[in-house]
Amino acid sequence: MFSPPKMTHTLRAAALLIGYPDAALRGMLPGIRSALRDEDALSASRLSEIDALIDTLTRTDALDAEAAYVELFDRGRSTSLHLFEHVHGDSRDRGPAMIDLAQSYEKAGLFLAPGEMPDYLPVVLEFASTQPAPAARAFLGEMTHIFNALFTALQKRESRYASVIGALIELAGEKAHAVKLAPDEALDDSWAEPLAFDGCSTHGQAAPGSAQPIHLVRKTPVTEGAQS
């Protein structure tokens, strides 16, 4: 009987790698590399690409890495890590989609930390990592059209972060490929969420020097603590 390969650690590693490259993340890079190789859920070529990203983050000056991250992910729609930005933009459909996704997390016993957006890619991957492999694969499969757009945008900028998005497409059982992108639009002045979500651009992709929030927490009694 066929048993789908495990991907829990790979998804958690991807969630970390696509996050803000602060000192905490850089300190985890050796462990992330080991986890990816131990679980062996990705092709050798994809692992090699991710190794190159890890090497780049390791040797790049901390401030330069952080500035490059902000410039890459916080300055345009085509590389936004808020997935619904790619399909809904500022339309009214985005709010209900956010609520539906948050409710999916809650049904699985996972709750967003204050200020977190449900469509922020590291959050999405943290949730996927809690699901059985077939469910996680299907969940990722529903988003491959977004991943391919993000993959294409990152490749156009010759960013090694494209390797992480390519890995997600691979985990979904598909092949990454280039797609036609709409003209990019700067987010600095135009990206704003309805008040119900208290803004977006500074609540997911954190600004330099700010603490990275815990993305998802299990709802347990206070005496037991919460785990991401």
Protein backbone atom coordinates (compact mmCIF):
# COMPACT_ATOMS: atom_id res chain seq x y z
CA MET A 1 0.00 0.00 0.00
CA PHE A 2 1.39 3.39 -1.05
CA SER A 3 2.18 5.73 1.83
CA PRO A 4 2.64 9.42 0.92
CA PRO A 5 6.03 10.77 2.01
CA LYS A 6 6.07 12.77 5.20
CA MET A 7 6.50 16.49 4.76
CA THR A 8 5.91 17.97 8.24
CA HIS A 9 9.49 19.07 8.85
CA THR A 10 9.93 20.22 5.27
CA LEU A 11 6.88 22.48 5.49
CA ARG A 12 8.05 23.93 8.79
CA ALA A 13 11.50 24.49 7.32
CA ALA A 14 9.95 26.27 4.34
CA ALA A 15 7.86 28.44 6.68
CA LEU A 16 11.04 29.51 8.47
CA LEU A 17 13.14 30.04 5.34
CA ILE A 18 10.56 32.31 3.72
CA GLY A 19 10.34 34.39 6.90
CA TYR A 20 12.25 37.52 7.90
CA PRO A 21 15.99 36.67 8.11
CA ASP A 22 16.70 37.94 11.60
CA ALA A 23 19.36 36.62 13.97
CA ALA A 24 17.04 33.91 15.32
CA LEU A 25 16.45 32.49 11.85
CA ARG A 26 20.10 32.62 10.89
CA GLY A 27 20.91 30.67 14.03
CA MET A 28 18.50 27.94 12.93
CA LEU A 29 19.87 27.55 9.39
CA PRO A 30 22.10 24.51 10.11
CA GLY A 31 19.17 22.71 11.74
CA ILE A 32 16.86 23.62 8.87
CA ARG A 33 19.34 22.19 6.37
CA SER A 34 19.58 18.95 8.36
CA ALA A 35 15.80 18.63 8.74
CA LEU A 36 15.25 18.98 5.01
CA ARG A 37 17.81 16.31 4.22
CA ASP A 38 16.61 13.94 6.95
CA GLU A 39 12.98 14.02 5.83
CA ASP A 40 13.98 13.68 2.16
CA ALA A 41 10.66 14.96 0.82
CA LEU A 42 12.22 17.06 -1.97
CA SER A 43 14.20 16.21 -5.07
CA ALA A 44 17.98 16.42 -4.95
CA SER A 45 17.98 19.36 -7.35
CA ARG A 46 15.53 21.33 -5.21
CA LEU A 47 17.50 20.59 -2.06
CA SER A 48 20.61 21.85 -3.81
CA GLU A 49 18.85 25.12 -4.66
CA ILE A 50 17.69 25.55 -1.07
CA ASP A 51 21.22 24.82 0.12
CA ALA A 52 22.36 27.74 -2.04
CA LEU A 53 19.77 29.99 -0.37
CA ILE A 54 20.89 28.88 3.09
CA ASP A 55 24.52 29.50 2.13
CA THR A 56 23.62 32.98 0.89
CA LEU A 57 21.76 33.84 4.10
CA THR A 58 24.64 32.49 6.16
CA ARG A 59 27.38 34.54 4.54
CA THR A 60 25.45 37.77 3.82
CA ASP A 61 25.78 40.63 6.29
CA ALA A 62 22.74 40.60 8.60
CA LEU A 63 21.58 44.13 7.77
CA ASP A 64 22.05 43.54 4.06
CA ALA A 65 20.03 40.32 4.19
CA GLU A 66 17.21 42.00 6.09
CA ALA A 67 17.14 45.02 3.76
CA ALA A 68 17.11 42.78 0.69
CA TYR A 69 14.23 40.76 2.16
CA VAL A 70 12.12 43.87 2.75
CA GLU A 71 12.89 45.18 -0.72
CA LEU A 72 11.95 41.86 -2.28
CA PHE A 73 8.77 40.97 -0.43
CA ASP A 74 7.35 44.25 0.88
CA ARG A 75 7.64 46.50 -2.16
CA GLY A 76 5.40 44.96 -4.79
CA ARG A 77 2.28 42.87 -5.26
CA SER A 78 3.88 40.22 -7.47
CA THR A 79 6.22 39.07 -4.67
CA SER A 80 3.85 39.56 -1.75
CA LEU A 81 3.83 36.72 0.77
CA HIS A 82 0.16 37.45 1.50
CA LEU A 83 -1.36 34.94 -0.88
CA PHE A 84 -4.75 36.56 -1.31
CA GLU A 85 -2.99 39.68 -2.57
CA HIS A 86 -2.34 37.70 -5.76
CA VAL A 87 -5.96 36.70 -6.35
CA HIS A 88 -8.12 39.31 -4.61
CA GLY A 89 -5.94 42.42 -4.30
CA ASP A 90 -7.96 45.08 -2.56
CA SER A 91 -11.34 43.71 -3.66
CA ARG A 92 -14.16 42.98 -1.23
CA ASP A 93 -13.69 39.27 -1.82
CA ARG A 94 -10.51 39.28 0.20
CA GLY A 95 -12.19 39.77 3.59
CA PRO A 96 -14.52 36.74 3.33
CA ALA A 97 -11.63 34.65 1.97
CA MET A 98 -9.56 35.61 5.02
CA ILE A 99 -12.38 34.60 7.35
CA ASP A 100 -12.88 31.25 5.59
CA LEU A 101 -9.18 30.43 5.85
CA ALA A 102 -9.01 31.41 9.52
CA GLN A 103 -12.03 29.19 10.19
CA SER A 104 -10.24 26.28 8.50
CA TYR A 105 -7.41 26.74 10.96
CA GLU A 106 -9.81 26.88 13.90
CA LYS A 107 -11.54 23.67 12.84
CA ALA A 108 -8.15 22.00 13.09
CA GLY A 109 -7.67 23.41 16.60
CA LEU A 110 -5.23 26.12 15.54
CA PHE A 111 -5.72 29.81 16.23
CA LEU A 112 -3.98 32.88 14.86
CA ALA A 113 -1.85 34.92 17.18
CA PRO A 114 -2.93 38.58 17.56
CA GLY A 115 -2.08 40.61 14.47
CA GLU A 116 -1.42 37.62 12.20
CA MET A 117 -3.00 37.38 8.75
CA PRO A 118 -4.31 33.93 7.74
CA ASP A 119 -3.04 34.26 4.16
CA TYR A 120 0.57 35.06 5.16
CA LEU A 121 2.63 32.26 3.61
CA PRO A 122 4.58 31.20 6.75
CA VAL A 123 1.24 30.92 8.58
CA VAL A 124 -0.25 28.87 5.74
CA LEU A 125 2.73 26.52 5.86
CA GLU A 126 2.61 26.18 9.65
CA PHE A 127 -1.01 25.05 9.29
CA ALA A 128 -0.21 22.67 6.44
CA SER A 129 2.56 21.09 8.53
CA THR A 130 -0.01 20.00 11.13
CA GLN A 131 -2.05 18.04 8.58
CA PRO A 132 -1.61 14.43 7.39
CA ALA A 133 0.50 14.24 4.24
CA PRO A 134 -2.42 13.64 1.81
CA ALA A 135 -4.38 16.57 3.25
CA ALA A 136 -1.32 18.83 3.23
CA ARG A 137 -0.59 17.92 -0.38
CA ALA A 138 -4.18 18.67 -1.42
CA PHE A 139 -4.14 21.94 0.53
CA LEU A 140 -0.97 23.06 -1.25
CA GLY A 141 -2.40 21.90 -4.56
CA GLU A 142 -5.24 24.40 -4.24
CA MET A 143 -2.65 27.19 -4.17
CA THR A 144 -0.25 26.14 -6.91
CA HIS A 145 -1.55 28.82 -9.30
CA ILE A 146 -0.51 31.42 -6.71
CA PHE A 147 2.78 29.65 -6.02
CA ASN A 148 3.62 29.59 -9.73
CA ALA A 149 2.97 33.33 -10.00
CA LEU A 150 5.18 33.99 -6.98
CA PHE A 151 7.81 31.56 -8.29
CA THR A 152 7.85 33.38 -11.64
CA ALA A 153 8.16 36.80 -10.01
CA LEU A 154 11.05 35.65 -7.81
CA GLN A 155 12.83 34.02 -10.73
CA LYS A 156 12.52 37.24 -12.74
CA ARG A 157 14.33 38.97 -9.89
CA GLU A 158 16.93 36.18 -9.83
CA SER A 159 16.13 35.52 -6.17
CA ARG A 160 17.21 32.30 -4.48
CA TYR A 161 13.94 32.45 -2.51
CA ALA A 162 12.31 31.02 -5.65
CA SER A 163 13.72 27.66 -4.54
CA VAL A 164 11.40 27.64 -1.50
CA ILE A 165 8.31 28.31 -3.61
CA GLY A 166 9.43 25.70 -6.12
CA ALA A 167 9.68 23.24 -3.24
CA LEU A 168 6.06 23.92 -2.26
CA ILE A 169 4.90 23.26 -5.79
CA GLU A 170 6.90 20.04 -5.76
CA LEU A 171 5.32 18.99 -2.46
CA ALA A 172 1.92 19.57 -4.06
CA GLY A 173 2.85 16.98 -6.68
CA GLU A 174 3.25 19.45 -9.53
CA LYS A 175 6.11 21.08 -11.45
CA ALA A 176 7.00 24.73 -11.10
CA HIS A 177 6.65 26.71 -14.31
CA ALA A 178 6.66 30.30 -15.43
CA VAL A 179 3.35 32.08 -15.88
CA LYS A 180 2.38 35.45 -17.32
CA LEU A 181 2.36 38.16 -14.67
CA ALA A 182 0.29 41.32 -14.51
CA PRO A 183 2.27 44.57 -14.29
CA ASP A 184 3.57 44.95 -10.76
CA GLU A 185 2.29 47.67 -8.47
CA ALA A 186 4.10 49.16 -5.51
CA LEU A 187 2.44 48.48 -2.18
CA ASP A 188 3.88 51.31 -0.10
CA ASP A 189 0.92 53.64 -0.57
CA SER A 190 -1.82 51.37 -1.82
CA TRP A 191 -1.68 48.28 0.41
CA ALA A 192 -4.18 48.68 3.20
CA GLU A 193 -6.62 46.22 4.72
CA PRO A 194 -10.11 46.99 6.02
CA LEU A 195 -10.11 48.03 9.66
CA ALA A 196 -11.48 44.63 10.61
CA PHE A 197 -8.05 43.22 9.88
CA ASP A 198 -6.10 46.16 11.34
CA GLY A 199 -3.79 46.56 8.37
CA CYS A 200 -1.67 44.00 6.62
CA SER A 201 1.75 45.03 5.38
CA THR A 202 3.31 45.37 8.82
CA HIS A 203 1.50 42.53 10.52
CA GLY A 204 2.86 39.66 8.48
CA GLN A 205 6.13 40.49 6.81
CA ALA A 206 7.75 42.15 9.78
CA ALA A 207 9.83 45.29 9.52
CA PRO A 208 13.56 45.29 10.27
CA GLY A 209 14.33 44.96 13.95
CA SER A 210 10.86 43.85 14.96
CA ALA A 211 10.15 40.55 16.70
CA GLN A 212 8.72 37.74 14.62
CA PRO A 213 5.29 36.75 16.01
CA ILE A 214 4.22 33.18 16.69
CA HIS A 215 2.03 32.34 13.75
CA LEU A 216 -0.34 29.71 15.06
CA VAL A 217 -1.15 28.57 18.54
CA ARG A 218 -3.08 25.59 19.82
CA LYS A 219 -5.98 26.49 22.07
CA THR A 220 -4.98 24.91 25.38
CA PRO A 221 -5.42 25.93 29.01
CA VAL A 222 -3.13 28.73 30.11
CA THR A 223 -1.40 26.46 32.59
CA GLU A 224 -0.29 24.18 29.76
CA GLY A 225 0.98 26.96 27.52
CA ALA A 226 0.51 27.36 23.79
CA GLN A 227 2.58 25.72 21.10
CA SER A 228 3.02 27.04 17.63
